[in-house]
N, C-alpha and C. Protein backbone atom coordinates (compact mmCIF):
# COMPACT_ATOMS: atom_id res chain seq x y z
N MET A 1 211.86 106.21 131.71
CA MET A 1 212.07 104.97 132.43
C MET A 1 210.87 104.07 132.14
N SER A 2 211.14 102.83 131.84
CA SER A 2 210.07 101.92 131.50
C SER A 2 209.37 101.38 132.75
N LEU A 3 208.26 100.73 132.53
CA LEU A 3 207.54 100.12 133.65
C LEU A 3 208.39 99.06 134.34
N ILE A 4 209.17 98.34 133.56
CA ILE A 4 210.04 97.31 134.14
C ILE A 4 211.08 97.94 135.06
N GLU A 5 211.68 99.03 134.61
CA GLU A 5 212.68 99.70 135.45
C GLU A 5 212.05 100.26 136.71
N ASN A 6 210.84 100.80 136.60
CA ASN A 6 210.13 101.28 137.79
C ASN A 6 209.89 100.16 138.79
N GLU A 7 209.50 99.00 138.30
CA GLU A 7 209.25 97.86 139.19
C GLU A 7 210.55 97.39 139.84
N GLN A 8 211.65 97.44 139.10
CA GLN A 8 212.93 97.04 139.67
C GLN A 8 213.36 98.01 140.76
N VAL A 9 213.10 99.28 140.56
CA VAL A 9 213.43 100.29 141.58
C VAL A 9 212.58 100.06 142.83
N LYS A 10 211.29 99.79 142.63
CA LYS A 10 210.41 99.54 143.79
C LYS A 10 210.83 98.28 144.53
N LEU A 11 211.24 97.25 143.80
CA LEU A 11 211.70 96.02 144.43
C LEU A 11 212.96 96.26 145.25
N LEU A 12 213.90 97.02 144.71
CA LEU A 12 215.12 97.35 145.44
C LEU A 12 214.80 98.13 146.71
N ALA A 13 213.93 99.13 146.60
CA ALA A 13 213.56 99.92 147.78
C ALA A 13 212.87 99.05 148.83
N ALA A 14 212.01 98.16 148.40
CA ALA A 14 211.31 97.28 149.34
C ALA A 14 212.29 96.35 150.06
N ASN A 15 213.28 95.83 149.33
CA ASN A 15 214.27 94.94 149.95
C ASN A 15 215.12 95.70 150.96
N ILE A 16 215.52 96.92 150.63
CA ILE A 16 216.30 97.72 151.57
C ILE A 16 215.47 98.02 152.82
N ASP A 17 214.20 98.33 152.64
CA ASP A 17 213.35 98.64 153.79
C ASP A 17 213.11 97.40 154.65
N ARG A 18 213.00 96.23 154.03
CA ARG A 18 212.86 95.00 154.83
C ARG A 18 214.13 94.74 155.63
N ALA A 19 215.28 95.03 155.05
CA ALA A 19 216.54 94.88 155.79
C ALA A 19 216.56 95.83 156.98
N SER A 20 216.04 97.04 156.79
CA SER A 20 216.01 97.99 157.90
C SER A 20 215.08 97.49 159.00
N SER A 21 213.98 96.85 158.63
CA SER A 21 213.08 96.28 159.64
C SER A 21 213.77 95.17 160.42
N ALA A 22 214.53 94.35 159.72
CA ALA A 22 215.26 93.28 160.40
C ALA A 22 216.29 93.84 161.37
N PHE A 23 216.95 94.93 160.99
CA PHE A 23 217.94 95.55 161.87
C PHE A 23 217.29 96.07 163.14
N ILE A 24 216.14 96.72 163.01
CA ILE A 24 215.53 97.29 164.22
C ILE A 24 215.00 96.19 165.13
N ILE A 25 214.48 95.11 164.55
CA ILE A 25 213.97 94.01 165.38
C ILE A 25 215.13 93.29 166.08
N ALA A 26 216.15 92.95 165.32
CA ALA A 26 217.26 92.17 165.88
C ALA A 26 218.12 92.96 166.85
N GLY A 27 218.37 94.21 166.54
CA GLY A 27 219.34 94.95 167.33
C GLY A 27 218.78 95.91 168.35
N PHE A 28 217.51 96.27 168.22
CA PHE A 28 216.96 97.27 169.14
C PHE A 28 215.75 96.74 169.91
N VAL A 29 214.76 96.25 169.21
CA VAL A 29 213.53 95.81 169.88
C VAL A 29 213.77 94.58 170.74
N THR A 30 214.48 93.59 170.21
CA THR A 30 214.71 92.36 170.96
C THR A 30 215.45 92.60 172.28
N PRO A 31 216.55 93.35 172.30
CA PRO A 31 217.20 93.61 173.58
C PRO A 31 216.33 94.41 174.56
N VAL A 32 215.57 95.36 174.04
CA VAL A 32 214.70 96.15 174.92
C VAL A 32 213.63 95.27 175.55
N VAL A 33 213.04 94.39 174.75
CA VAL A 33 212.01 93.48 175.29
C VAL A 33 212.64 92.51 176.29
N ALA A 34 213.81 91.99 175.98
CA ALA A 34 214.49 91.06 176.89
C ALA A 34 214.79 91.73 178.23
N LEU A 35 215.20 92.99 178.17
CA LEU A 35 215.49 93.71 179.41
C LEU A 35 214.21 94.04 180.18
N SER A 36 213.16 94.38 179.46
CA SER A 36 211.93 94.76 180.15
C SER A 36 211.26 93.56 180.83
N TYR A 37 211.41 92.37 180.25
CA TYR A 37 210.85 91.17 180.87
C TYR A 37 211.84 90.50 181.82
N GLN A 38 213.03 91.03 181.92
CA GLN A 38 214.08 90.53 182.79
C GLN A 38 214.38 89.04 182.56
N PHE A 39 214.55 88.70 181.29
CA PHE A 39 214.92 87.33 180.95
C PHE A 39 216.30 87.03 181.53
N PRO A 40 216.52 85.82 181.99
CA PRO A 40 217.84 85.50 182.57
C PRO A 40 218.96 85.55 181.53
N THR A 41 218.63 85.41 180.26
CA THR A 41 219.66 85.44 179.22
C THR A 41 219.91 86.84 178.66
N SER A 42 219.17 87.83 179.15
CA SER A 42 219.37 89.18 178.62
C SER A 42 220.71 89.72 179.12
N PRO A 43 221.36 90.50 178.28
CA PRO A 43 222.67 91.03 178.67
C PRO A 43 222.52 92.07 179.77
N PRO A 44 223.55 92.27 180.57
CA PRO A 44 223.46 93.31 181.59
C PRO A 44 223.40 94.69 180.95
N VAL A 45 222.75 95.60 181.63
CA VAL A 45 222.63 96.96 181.11
C VAL A 45 223.94 97.70 181.38
N THR A 46 224.69 97.89 180.34
CA THR A 46 225.94 98.63 180.43
C THR A 46 225.91 99.72 179.35
N ILE A 47 226.85 100.62 179.43
CA ILE A 47 226.93 101.66 178.41
C ILE A 47 227.19 101.05 177.04
N TRP A 48 227.93 99.95 177.01
CA TRP A 48 228.23 99.29 175.73
C TRP A 48 227.00 98.63 175.14
N ALA A 49 226.17 98.03 175.97
CA ALA A 49 224.95 97.40 175.48
C ALA A 49 223.99 98.45 174.91
N VAL A 50 223.89 99.58 175.60
CA VAL A 50 223.03 100.66 175.12
C VAL A 50 223.59 101.23 173.82
N ALA A 51 224.89 101.45 173.78
CA ALA A 51 225.51 101.99 172.56
C ALA A 51 225.33 101.03 171.39
N PHE A 52 225.47 99.74 171.65
CA PHE A 52 225.30 98.74 170.60
C PHE A 52 223.89 98.79 170.03
N SER A 53 222.89 98.88 170.91
CA SER A 53 221.51 98.96 170.44
C SER A 53 221.25 100.25 169.67
N LEU A 54 221.84 101.33 170.12
CA LEU A 54 221.66 102.60 169.42
C LEU A 54 222.32 102.58 168.05
N ILE A 55 223.44 101.87 167.93
CA ILE A 55 224.08 101.73 166.62
C ILE A 55 223.17 100.99 165.66
N TRP A 56 222.54 99.91 166.14
CA TRP A 56 221.59 99.18 165.30
C TRP A 56 220.43 100.08 164.89
N LEU A 57 219.97 100.92 165.81
CA LEU A 57 218.88 101.83 165.50
C LEU A 57 219.30 102.85 164.44
N VAL A 58 220.50 103.38 164.54
CA VAL A 58 220.99 104.35 163.56
C VAL A 58 221.15 103.70 162.18
N VAL A 59 221.65 102.46 162.15
CA VAL A 59 221.78 101.75 160.88
C VAL A 59 220.40 101.53 160.26
N GLU A 60 219.43 101.20 161.08
CA GLU A 60 218.06 101.01 160.58
C GLU A 60 217.53 102.28 159.96
N ILE A 61 217.73 103.39 160.62
CA ILE A 61 217.26 104.67 160.09
C ILE A 61 217.97 104.98 158.77
N GLY A 62 219.26 104.72 158.72
CA GLY A 62 220.01 104.94 157.49
C GLY A 62 219.51 104.09 156.34
N LEU A 63 219.23 102.83 156.61
CA LEU A 63 218.70 101.95 155.55
C LEU A 63 217.32 102.41 155.09
N HIS A 64 216.49 102.82 156.03
CA HIS A 64 215.15 103.29 155.66
C HIS A 64 215.25 104.55 154.79
N LEU A 65 216.13 105.46 155.15
CA LEU A 65 216.31 106.67 154.35
C LEU A 65 216.90 106.34 152.97
N ALA A 66 217.76 105.34 152.91
CA ALA A 66 218.31 104.90 151.62
C ALA A 66 217.20 104.36 150.72
N ALA A 67 216.27 103.60 151.31
CA ALA A 67 215.15 103.08 150.53
C ALA A 67 214.29 104.22 149.99
N ARG A 68 214.06 105.23 150.82
CA ARG A 68 213.29 106.39 150.36
C ARG A 68 214.02 107.11 149.23
N ARG A 69 215.34 107.18 149.33
CA ARG A 69 216.12 107.85 148.28
C ARG A 69 216.06 107.07 146.97
N VAL A 70 216.07 105.75 147.06
CA VAL A 70 215.96 104.91 145.86
C VAL A 70 214.62 105.17 145.17
N LEU A 71 213.57 105.35 145.94
CA LEU A 71 212.25 105.57 145.35
C LEU A 71 212.17 106.89 144.58
N ARG A 72 213.05 107.81 144.88
CA ARG A 72 213.05 109.08 144.13
C ARG A 72 213.45 108.88 142.68
N ARG A 73 214.01 107.73 142.36
CA ARG A 73 214.41 107.45 140.96
C ARG A 73 213.22 107.05 140.10
N LEU A 74 212.04 106.86 140.70
CA LEU A 74 210.87 106.50 139.91
C LEU A 74 210.48 107.64 138.99
N LYS A 75 210.08 107.28 137.80
CA LYS A 75 209.65 108.26 136.80
C LYS A 75 208.21 107.97 136.40
N ALA A 76 207.51 109.02 136.08
CA ALA A 76 206.11 108.87 135.65
C ALA A 76 206.03 108.42 134.21
């Protein structure tokens, strides 16, 4: 694998990991912070709201693991 291909693999992994960061901020951290500060616009705590946030968290973990798997394609 050439240096160019290695850089392309690293770029792909970095982009996937940034997407995973966006998922955890948008879907998990933001609702938790809104609930902890009791903002008037925060959604009510229901089983669906918790499940929705947990789904975002699981997707984030999946994207992060996908980025790690992409990095395994790097060659010395």
